[in-house]
Amino acid sequence: MTTKPKYFTVANLIEQDILMHKYQQQLPHIDELAVIYHTSKVTIVSALRLLQYKNIVKPVRGHGTQILTAKESEISKKDNANEHLGFTSRIKNTKFLTSKVISFDIREPTDKERIVLKLNKTDLVYDIIRQRLLRDFPVRLEYTVMPQRIIPGITVNILDQSIYHYIENQLQLKIGRANRTFRADKPDAYDQLYLKCASTDPVLEIEQTCFLQDGTPFEYSQTRNRYDQAELTLNQV
């Protein structure tokens, strides 16, 4: 059996201490962490990179290593779900990002949703529309469809918190890869209403299908972003 590197063990210890609220808002300096966990600074740096990949912490230039809240973690997961393919898309500043549920319903899937999510004719889906606001200014409009059979028990209260946190911590499901398509589009009536777009403003649309680690599709979504509040980066891999 292959032995995992030491930084895996250290990362697990730091994660446990975060969950036990040993640290508030941010982690101690790397030098202090090396003393606390009886290891080298090199091992600490590798452990923090792993925790960053798991969307638990985030380095902030000049301010150390920030501990992500549940909402920030969900956003980070959705932003980085397909980063291994070389694409990164994110709102420019998520520190003051909040969410507002515009509509929440349960309905029969469309033909396209049935194909993309591999649903049976009798399956129902959650139909969710959420608005993301940065300092109370709208920056993103999310249309999300999830199979009720795969992700049961979603409520408005869960939507106000974090769907991804609910999936992984309450349903004990492991989130895997995501396929994304990026395109520029003209604003529709909803964009103009909920993103405060002018009729001539472009929007960045991201169409996404997310999968659990076992390959089961659990989310099909279209996200509409204001042109001046979203970034798209192509990383060479």
Protein backbone atom coordinates (compact mmCIF):
# COMPACT_ATOMS: atom_id res chain seq x y z
CA MET A 1 0.00 0.00 0.00
CA THR A 2 1.34 3.45 -0.98
CA THR A 3 2.10 5.76 1.95
CA LYS A 4 0.69 9.27 1.56
CA PRO A 5 3.10 12.22 1.89
CA LYS A 6 3.37 13.83 5.33
CA TYR A 7 1.61 17.00 4.18
CA PHE A 8 -1.62 14.97 3.74
CA THR A 9 -1.56 14.10 7.43
CA VAL A 10 -0.75 17.69 8.42
CA ALA A 11 -3.52 19.03 6.16
CA ASN A 12 -6.02 16.67 7.84
CA LEU A 13 -4.91 17.86 11.29
CA ILE A 14 -5.30 21.52 10.32
CA GLU A 15 -8.72 20.80 8.79
CA GLN A 16 -9.85 19.07 11.99
CA ASP A 17 -8.69 22.03 14.07
CA ILE A 18 -10.61 24.40 11.77
CA LEU A 19 -13.76 22.31 12.18
CA MET A 20 -13.27 22.39 15.96
CA HIS A 21 -13.04 26.22 15.74
CA LYS A 22 -9.48 26.30 17.04
CA TYR A 23 -8.80 29.01 14.47
CA GLN A 24 -11.09 31.94 13.71
CA GLN A 25 -11.20 33.63 10.28
CA GLN A 26 -7.55 32.95 9.44
CA LEU A 27 -4.68 30.57 10.22
CA PRO A 28 -1.52 31.46 12.12
CA HIS A 29 1.65 32.30 10.20
CA ILE A 30 3.46 29.46 8.43
CA ASP A 31 6.32 29.57 10.96
CA GLU A 32 3.87 29.17 13.85
CA LEU A 33 2.01 26.36 12.09
CA ALA A 34 5.30 24.51 11.60
CA VAL A 35 5.89 24.63 15.38
CA ILE A 36 2.30 23.66 16.23
CA TYR A 37 2.31 20.60 13.95
CA HIS A 38 5.97 19.66 14.54
CA THR A 39 6.98 19.79 10.90
CA SER A 40 8.84 21.91 8.36
CA LYS A 41 7.65 25.08 6.64
CA VAL A 42 7.87 23.24 3.30
CA THR A 43 5.40 20.63 4.57
CA ILE A 44 3.08 23.37 5.88
CA VAL A 45 3.11 25.14 2.51
CA SER A 46 2.17 21.86 0.76
CA ALA A 47 -0.57 21.19 3.32
CA LEU A 48 -2.03 24.67 2.81
CA ARG A 49 -2.04 24.16 -0.95
CA LEU A 50 -4.03 20.96 -0.44
CA LEU A 51 -6.51 22.76 1.84
CA GLN A 52 -6.80 25.53 -0.74
CA TYR A 53 -7.57 22.91 -3.41
CA LYS A 54 -10.28 21.51 -1.10
CA ASN A 55 -11.74 25.04 -0.78
CA ILE A 56 -11.16 25.22 2.97
CA VAL A 57 -8.67 28.08 3.03
CA LYS A 58 -7.56 30.86 0.71
CA PRO A 59 -4.27 32.80 0.74
CA VAL A 60 -4.76 36.57 0.75
CA ARG A 61 -1.75 38.64 -0.25
CA GLY A 62 -0.51 40.61 2.74
CA HIS A 63 -3.13 39.11 5.08
CA GLY A 64 -2.08 35.48 5.58
CA THR A 65 -4.32 32.46 5.00
CA GLN A 66 -8.07 33.07 5.26
CA ILE A 67 -10.50 30.36 6.43
CA LEU A 68 -13.40 30.20 3.99
CA THR A 69 -16.99 30.35 5.22
CA ALA A 70 -19.57 27.84 3.92
CA LYS A 71 -20.85 30.33 1.32
CA GLU A 72 -17.35 31.26 0.16
CA SER A 73 -16.41 27.59 -0.04
CA GLU A 74 -19.41 26.81 -2.26
CA ILE A 75 -18.54 29.67 -4.60
CA SER A 76 -14.93 28.56 -4.73
CA LYS A 77 -15.93 24.98 -5.53
CA LYS A 78 -18.15 26.04 -8.36
CA ASP A 79 -15.48 28.40 -9.67
CA ASN A 80 -12.75 25.74 -9.55
CA ALA A 81 -14.69 22.57 -10.43
CA ASN A 82 -13.30 22.54 -13.96
CA GLU A 83 -9.97 24.27 -13.34
CA HIS A 84 -8.05 21.08 -14.17
CA LEU A 85 -9.17 21.60 -17.77
CA GLY A 86 -7.45 24.98 -17.78
CA PHE A 87 -10.43 27.30 -17.32
CA THR A 88 -11.12 29.58 -14.38
CA SER A 89 -14.17 31.86 -14.14
CA ARG A 90 -14.98 33.95 -11.09
CA ILE A 91 -16.56 37.08 -9.77
CA LYS A 92 -13.81 39.61 -9.17
CA ASN A 93 -14.37 39.95 -5.40
CA THR A 94 -16.39 37.42 -3.35
CA LYS A 95 -15.75 38.79 0.14
CA PHE A 96 -19.05 40.69 0.26
CA LEU A 97 -21.06 38.31 -1.95
CA THR A 98 -24.60 37.38 -0.87
CA SER A 99 -27.37 35.33 -2.41
CA LYS A 100 -31.08 35.93 -3.00
CA VAL A 101 -33.56 33.24 -4.11
CA ILE A 102 -35.76 34.56 -6.90
CA SER A 103 -37.76 31.37 -7.48
CA PHE A 104 -37.77 27.76 -6.27
CA ASP A 105 -40.00 25.06 -7.72
CA ILE A 106 -40.26 21.31 -8.38
CA ARG A 107 -41.30 20.28 -11.89
CA GLU A 108 -40.87 17.76 -14.67
CA PRO A 109 -37.58 18.08 -16.61
CA THR A 110 -37.37 19.31 -20.17
CA ASP A 111 -36.14 16.92 -22.85
CA LYS A 112 -32.66 18.47 -22.76
CA GLU A 113 -32.49 18.29 -18.96
CA ARG A 114 -33.59 14.65 -19.06
CA ILE A 115 -30.73 13.84 -21.46
CA VAL A 116 -28.03 15.89 -19.71
CA LEU A 117 -28.94 14.64 -16.22
CA LYS A 118 -29.72 11.07 -17.40
CA LEU A 119 -33.20 11.10 -15.86
CA ASN A 120 -36.13 8.75 -16.13
CA LYS A 121 -39.52 9.95 -17.38
CA THR A 122 -40.92 9.88 -13.85
CA ASP A 123 -38.08 11.91 -12.28
CA LEU A 124 -38.70 15.42 -11.00
CA VAL A 125 -36.19 18.28 -10.75
CA TYR A 126 -35.66 21.34 -8.60
CA ASP A 127 -35.87 24.54 -10.64
CA ILE A 128 -33.85 27.24 -8.86
CA ILE A 129 -33.14 30.83 -9.84
CA ARG A 130 -30.76 32.78 -7.60
CA GLN A 131 -29.31 36.25 -7.76
CA ARG A 132 -25.80 36.94 -6.49
CA LEU A 133 -25.11 40.39 -5.09
CA LEU A 134 -21.79 42.07 -4.36
CA ARG A 135 -22.28 44.74 -1.70
CA ASP A 136 -26.01 44.58 -2.57
CA PHE A 137 -25.31 45.18 -6.27
CA PRO A 138 -26.38 42.33 -8.64
CA VAL A 139 -23.49 40.63 -10.44
CA ARG A 140 -24.67 37.11 -11.31
CA LEU A 141 -27.91 35.32 -12.14
CA GLU A 142 -27.96 31.53 -11.70
CA TYR A 143 -30.44 29.09 -13.25
CA THR A 144 -29.94 25.71 -11.58
CA VAL A 145 -31.66 22.36 -12.18
CA MET A 146 -31.02 19.37 -9.87
CA PRO A 147 -32.67 15.92 -9.82
CA GLN A 148 -34.83 15.49 -6.73
CA ARG A 149 -33.99 11.79 -6.65
CA ILE A 150 -30.22 12.41 -6.52
CA ILE A 151 -30.26 15.50 -4.25
CA PRO A 152 -33.31 15.09 -1.98
CA GLY A 153 -34.48 17.50 0.70
CA ILE A 154 -33.47 20.88 -0.72
CA THR A 155 -35.32 23.75 0.96
CA VAL A 156 -35.27 27.54 0.68
CA ASN A 157 -33.25 27.63 3.89
CA ILE A 158 -30.57 25.44 2.29
CA LEU A 159 -30.57 27.68 -0.78
CA ASP A 160 -29.94 30.67 1.48
CA GLN A 161 -26.88 28.89 2.91
CA SER A 162 -24.90 26.52 0.65
CA ILE A 163 -26.20 23.74 -1.59
CA TYR A 164 -22.74 22.26 -2.00
CA HIS A 165 -22.17 22.22 1.77
CA TYR A 166 -25.52 20.42 2.17
CA ILE A 167 -24.62 17.88 -0.52
CA GLU A 168 -21.25 16.99 0.96
CA ASN A 169 -21.98 17.27 4.69
CA GLN A 170 -25.65 16.29 5.04
CA LEU A 171 -26.09 13.91 2.10
CA GLN A 172 -22.49 12.66 2.37
CA LEU A 173 -21.99 12.79 -1.40
CA LYS A 174 -18.63 13.53 -3.00
CA ILE A 175 -18.58 16.20 -5.71
CA GLY A 176 -16.43 15.47 -8.75
CA ARG A 177 -15.73 17.15 -12.08
CA ALA A 178 -17.73 19.68 -14.08
CA ASN A 179 -18.10 20.32 -17.82
CA ARG A 180 -18.48 23.96 -18.82
CA THR A 181 -19.25 25.95 -21.94
CA PHE A 182 -18.51 29.69 -22.03
CA ARG A 183 -20.22 32.12 -24.37
CA ALA A 184 -20.97 35.82 -24.75
CA ASP A 185 -24.61 36.80 -25.17
CA LYS A 186 -26.97 39.74 -25.33
CA PRO A 187 -28.97 40.47 -22.16
CA ASP A 188 -32.52 39.14 -22.01
CA ALA A 189 -35.38 40.62 -19.98
CA TYR A 190 -34.32 38.79 -16.78
CA ASP A 191 -30.74 40.05 -17.17
CA GLN A 192 -31.94 43.61 -17.53
CA LEU A 193 -34.21 43.25 -14.50
CA TYR A 194 -32.01 41.27 -12.09
CA LEU A 195 -28.51 42.27 -13.25
CA LYS A 196 -29.40 45.89 -13.99
CA CYS A 197 -28.01 45.47 -17.48
CA ALA A 198 -28.59 47.93 -20.27
CA SER A 199 -30.00 46.42 -23.45
CA THR A 200 -26.61 46.94 -25.10
CA ASP A 201 -24.48 45.42 -22.30
CA PRO A 202 -22.94 42.01 -23.03
CA VAL A 203 -23.21 39.17 -20.53
CA LEU A 204 -20.94 36.18 -19.93
CA GLU A 205 -22.91 32.93 -19.83
CA ILE A 206 -21.50 29.73 -18.36
CA GLU A 207 -23.41 26.51 -19.08
CA GLN A 208 -22.38 23.79 -16.68
CA THR A 209 -23.01 20.13 -15.92
CA CYS A 210 -21.65 18.91 -12.57
CA PHE A 211 -21.00 15.29 -11.59
CA LEU A 212 -20.53 13.36 -8.38
CA GLN A 213 -17.29 11.41 -8.01
CA ASP A 214 -19.05 8.26 -9.23
CA GLY A 215 -19.95 10.02 -12.50
CA THR A 216 -23.61 10.72 -11.68
CA PRO A 217 -24.73 14.12 -13.05
CA PHE A 218 -26.39 16.13 -10.27
CA GLU A 219 -26.57 19.70 -11.60
CA TYR A 220 -27.29 21.43 -14.87
CA SER A 221 -27.04 25.21 -14.80
CA GLN A 222 -26.68 28.41 -16.77
CA THR A 223 -25.01 31.34 -15.04
CA ARG A 224 -25.35 34.85 -16.43
CA ASN A 225 -22.65 37.31 -15.36
CA ARG A 226 -22.38 41.06 -15.77
CA TYR A 227 -19.56 41.80 -18.19
CA ASP A 228 -17.85 44.15 -15.70
CA GLN A 229 -17.98 41.76 -12.72
CA ALA A 230 -16.75 38.42 -14.13
CA GLU A 231 -13.39 37.15 -15.30
CA LEU A 232 -12.46 34.22 -17.53
CA THR A 233 -8.90 32.88 -17.37
CA LEU A 234 -7.34 30.20 -19.54
CA ASN A 235 -4.52 28.47 -17.67
CA GLN A 236 -1.90 26.67 -19.74
CA VAL A 237 -1.78 23.00 -18.74
